[in-house]
Amino acid sequence: MKFLQPGRTENQLTAHIMQYLYSVPGMEDVEDVIVSSGPNTWPNWRNFSDRIVKPATSCLWTSLR
């Protein structure tokens, strides 16, 4: 998970995950990718933002296929 580094935004992480998923052979549709960090992880935040991931910050992502 080298892409998960402090200093990147939730938007950048979402873009990286989407690019990876669509590069998988046979992957035709990705319904949703949710990336949230820090205070956005609770209560169950459903959007990603320009929030910068900081060192020692919790980060959560999920994807629906």
Foldseek 3Di string as FASTA:
>chain_A
DVVPDFFAFQVVVQVVVVVVQVVPPPRDDWDDKAKDKAPCPPPPHRHGDRDTHHPPIDMDMDTHD
